[in-house]
Amino acid sequence: MPGPWGDRRRRRIGLLGGSFNPAHAGHRHVAEQALRRLGLDEVWLLVSPGNPLKPRRGMAPFAERLAAARRIADGRRVLAVDVEARLGTRYTADTLRLLRRRFPRASFVLLLGADNLTQLPRWGRWREIACRTALAVLPRPGYTRHALAGRAAHVLARHRRRPAALLAGQDPGKARHAGWSLLVAPEHSASATAIRAALARAA
């Protein structure tokens, strides 16, 4: 993957991680909304080799999920990447630490659906993630209100910012609380769970 790995420019990069089991239009919608509303240079679709919080049963092979993510990417500003497979990481905190080391001039923002903001306290070293990496939360049908009333939003309430200020003046090498924001964006109803259920019924 020569693109991201060979480029050391100062960039604003959104990271959308997940199993992509399968990748779908909702993932592309999140990437496009983040590009537009945060003024990002790129969004990387980080296809997880194995999410510690998800069962292996029903999980398609990594190569198949990566190929699906590449089909919804455009190869220019939305890139499907095998970063975690290359780095040998499984936990987001480790992935972010190594990415900051490899790309010291980049400003990263972690893109989360509202459902993932709800689940964030289950992630390993989640407070470290929220402190060191800007978080942009995208609305999801049925989850947004619950997420804003959840533990993560409560703990991080004083670090909430306007989207326009989320990456403004961010110094990639300075350790401080990066902040988080809820983006005002249209919701997209696509769901990998629903897609897999439909495929199983059709089989």
Protein backbone atom coordinates (compact mmCIF):
# COMPACT_ATOMS: atom_id res chain seq x y z
CA MET A 1 0.00 0.00 0.00
CA PRO A 2 2.34 2.77 -1.18
CA GLY A 3 -0.08 5.69 -0.61
CA PRO A 4 -0.37 6.34 3.15
CA TRP A 5 2.88 4.60 4.12
CA GLY A 6 5.04 6.52 1.67
CA ASP A 7 3.58 9.97 2.33
CA ARG A 8 4.99 12.07 5.18
CA ARG A 9 3.19 15.35 4.47
CA ARG A 10 1.30 17.22 7.16
CA ARG A 11 -2.23 15.93 6.75
CA ARG A 12 -5.55 15.83 8.59
CA ILE A 13 -6.61 12.20 8.54
CA GLY A 14 -9.84 10.62 9.71
CA LEU A 15 -9.62 7.02 10.95
CA LEU A 16 -12.72 4.88 10.59
CA GLY A 17 -12.01 1.51 12.13
CA GLY A 18 -14.17 -1.58 12.10
CA SER A 19 -14.63 -5.14 10.98
CA PHE A 20 -16.29 -4.10 7.68
CA ASN A 21 -18.17 -7.38 7.73
CA PRO A 22 -19.19 -6.38 5.11
CA ALA A 23 -18.29 -2.82 4.09
CA HIS A 24 -21.37 -0.90 2.95
CA ALA A 25 -22.74 2.46 1.86
CA GLY A 26 -23.06 3.61 5.46
CA HIS A 27 -19.28 3.43 5.90
CA ARG A 28 -18.77 5.52 2.77
CA HIS A 29 -21.40 7.99 4.02
CA VAL A 30 -19.52 8.46 7.31
CA ALA A 31 -16.24 9.00 5.45
CA GLU A 32 -17.75 11.58 3.11
CA GLN A 33 -19.48 13.48 5.91
CA ALA A 34 -16.24 13.59 7.92
CA LEU A 35 -14.23 14.82 4.93
CA ARG A 36 -16.71 17.61 4.32
CA ARG A 37 -17.50 18.73 7.85
CA LEU A 38 -14.03 18.46 9.36
CA GLY A 39 -12.01 19.61 6.36
CA LEU A 40 -9.98 16.39 6.30
CA ASP A 41 -7.46 15.51 3.63
CA GLU A 42 -8.21 11.79 3.80
CA VAL A 43 -10.22 9.15 5.59
CA TRP A 44 -8.63 5.75 6.16
CA LEU A 45 -10.91 2.74 6.52
CA LEU A 46 -8.99 0.69 9.10
CA VAL A 47 -10.07 -2.90 8.52
CA SER A 48 -9.53 -4.85 11.74
CA PRO A 49 -7.87 -8.28 11.47
CA GLY A 50 -9.85 -9.27 14.57
CA ASN A 51 -11.95 -7.06 16.83
CA PRO A 52 -11.46 -8.20 20.46
CA LEU A 53 -15.07 -7.22 21.24
CA LYS A 54 -16.66 -9.23 18.43
CA PRO A 55 -17.08 -13.02 18.12
CA ARG A 56 -15.13 -14.86 15.44
CA ARG A 57 -18.19 -16.81 14.39
CA GLY A 58 -19.72 -15.25 11.31
CA MET A 59 -16.64 -13.09 10.66
CA ALA A 60 -15.53 -13.20 7.02
CA PRO A 61 -11.81 -13.69 6.30
CA PHE A 62 -9.69 -10.56 6.58
CA ALA A 63 -8.78 -10.49 2.88
CA GLU A 64 -12.46 -10.62 1.93
CA ARG A 65 -13.36 -7.77 4.30
CA LEU A 66 -10.43 -5.65 3.09
CA ALA A 67 -11.50 -6.19 -0.53
CA ALA A 68 -15.06 -5.13 0.36
CA ALA A 69 -13.74 -1.95 2.00
CA ARG A 70 -11.65 -1.16 -1.08
CA ARG A 71 -14.74 -1.44 -3.25
CA ILE A 72 -16.47 1.38 -1.37
CA ALA A 73 -13.31 3.54 -1.17
CA ASP A 74 -12.28 5.88 -3.97
CA GLY A 75 -8.53 5.27 -3.67
CA ARG A 76 -7.78 8.99 -3.38
CA ARG A 77 -9.38 10.59 -0.34
CA VAL A 78 -11.12 7.52 1.07
CA LEU A 79 -8.60 4.70 1.42
CA ALA A 80 -9.14 1.16 2.67
CA VAL A 81 -5.98 0.12 4.49
CA ASP A 82 -4.51 -2.92 6.25
CA VAL A 83 -2.71 -0.81 8.85
CA GLU A 84 -3.49 -3.02 11.85
CA ALA A 85 -2.45 -6.17 10.01
CA ARG A 86 0.85 -4.51 9.07
CA LEU A 87 1.47 -3.18 12.58
CA GLY A 88 0.33 -6.36 14.31
CA THR A 89 -2.11 -4.48 16.55
CA ARG A 90 -5.59 -5.45 17.73
CA TYR A 91 -6.35 -2.62 20.15
CA THR A 92 -7.11 0.90 18.95
CA ALA A 93 -4.89 2.52 21.58
CA ASP A 94 -1.87 0.60 20.26
CA THR A 95 -2.73 1.37 16.64
CA LEU A 96 -3.00 5.09 17.37
CA ARG A 97 0.28 5.14 19.30
CA LEU A 98 2.18 3.54 16.42
CA LEU A 99 0.52 5.72 13.80
CA ARG A 100 1.52 8.87 15.68
CA ARG A 101 5.07 7.58 15.80
CA ARG A 102 5.16 6.76 12.09
CA PHE A 103 3.38 9.96 11.01
CA PRO A 104 4.52 12.63 13.50
CA ARG A 105 3.31 15.49 11.27
CA ALA A 106 -0.23 14.13 10.81
CA SER A 107 -3.30 15.18 12.81
CA PHE A 108 -5.55 12.19 13.38
CA VAL A 109 -9.22 12.18 14.28
CA LEU A 110 -10.98 8.95 15.21
CA LEU A 111 -14.39 8.65 13.56
CA LEU A 112 -17.05 6.87 15.62
CA GLY A 113 -20.66 6.05 15.01
CA ALA A 114 -22.89 6.98 17.95
CA ASP A 115 -23.16 3.27 18.79
CA ASN A 116 -19.40 3.14 19.29
CA LEU A 117 -19.46 6.16 21.60
CA THR A 118 -21.81 4.11 23.78
CA GLN A 119 -19.39 1.16 23.71
CA LEU A 120 -16.23 3.26 24.16
CA PRO A 121 -15.83 2.50 27.92
CA ARG A 122 -15.45 -1.18 26.96
CA TRP A 123 -12.39 -0.41 24.83
CA GLY A 124 -8.92 -1.00 26.22
CA ARG A 125 -7.37 2.24 27.56
CA TRP A 126 -10.33 4.25 26.29
CA ARG A 127 -9.50 7.32 28.37
CA GLU A 128 -6.03 7.41 26.83
CA ILE A 129 -7.59 7.24 23.38
CA ALA A 130 -9.95 10.12 24.14
CA CYS A 131 -7.18 12.20 25.68
CA ARG A 132 -4.66 11.87 22.89
CA THR A 133 -6.82 11.58 19.76
CA ALA A 134 -9.66 13.84 18.64
CA LEU A 135 -12.99 11.99 18.40
CA ALA A 136 -15.70 12.86 15.88
CA VAL A 137 -19.04 11.15 16.51
CA LEU A 138 -21.48 10.57 13.65
CA PRO A 139 -25.22 10.12 14.32
CA ARG A 140 -26.71 6.66 13.88
CA PRO A 141 -30.40 5.77 13.85
CA GLY A 142 -31.57 4.73 17.31
CA TYR A 143 -28.23 5.37 19.03
CA THR A 144 -27.42 9.08 19.10
CA ARG A 145 -29.57 10.19 22.03
CA HIS A 146 -28.56 7.17 24.11
CA ALA A 147 -24.88 7.77 23.33
CA LEU A 148 -25.04 11.41 24.45
CA ALA A 149 -26.53 10.27 27.76
CA GLY A 150 -23.96 7.49 28.20
CA ARG A 151 -20.88 7.13 30.36
CA ALA A 152 -18.29 8.23 27.79
CA ALA A 153 -20.17 11.42 26.93
CA HIS A 154 -20.60 12.15 30.65
CA VAL A 155 -16.92 11.61 31.50
CA LEU A 156 -15.76 13.66 28.51
CA ALA A 157 -18.41 16.38 28.74
CA ARG A 158 -16.01 19.22 29.54
CA HIS A 159 -13.86 18.34 26.52
CA ARG A 160 -16.67 18.58 23.97
CA ARG A 161 -15.98 21.08 21.19
CA ARG A 162 -17.55 22.53 18.09
CA PRO A 163 -16.63 20.50 14.97
CA ALA A 164 -14.82 23.50 13.46
CA ALA A 165 -12.54 23.67 16.50
CA LEU A 166 -11.83 19.96 16.80
CA LEU A 167 -8.60 19.96 14.79
CA ALA A 168 -7.92 23.69 14.71
CA GLY A 169 -4.37 24.37 15.81
CA GLN A 170 -3.82 20.77 16.88
CA ASP A 171 -0.15 20.07 17.50
CA PRO A 172 0.43 16.39 16.61
CA GLY A 173 3.37 16.13 18.99
CA LYS A 174 1.80 17.79 22.00
CA ALA A 175 0.16 15.52 24.60
CA ARG A 176 -3.03 17.22 25.78
CA HIS A 177 -6.71 16.43 25.77
CA ALA A 178 -7.70 16.30 22.13
CA GLY A 179 -11.47 16.77 22.63
CA TRP A 180 -14.51 15.37 20.88
CA SER A 181 -17.45 16.56 18.85
CA LEU A 182 -20.81 15.37 17.57
CA LEU A 183 -21.13 16.13 13.87
CA VAL A 184 -24.48 17.36 12.60
CA ALA A 185 -24.97 15.04 9.64
CA PRO A 186 -27.72 12.99 8.00
CA GLU A 187 -28.14 9.51 9.43
CA HIS A 188 -27.61 6.47 7.23
CA SER A 189 -29.61 3.33 7.92
CA ALA A 190 -27.20 0.74 6.46
CA SER A 191 -26.12 -1.93 8.93
CA ALA A 192 -23.64 -4.76 8.46
CA THR A 193 -25.71 -6.92 10.83
CA ALA A 194 -28.83 -6.40 8.71
CA ILE A 195 -26.91 -7.07 5.49
CA ARG A 196 -25.56 -10.37 6.84
CA ALA A 197 -29.05 -11.39 8.01
CA ALA A 198 -30.50 -10.63 4.56
CA LEU A 199 -27.75 -12.64 2.87
CA ALA A 200 -28.39 -15.57 5.21
CA ARG A 201 -32.12 -15.51 4.42
CA ALA A 202 -31.40 -15.45 0.70
CA ALA A 203 -28.94 -18.35 0.86
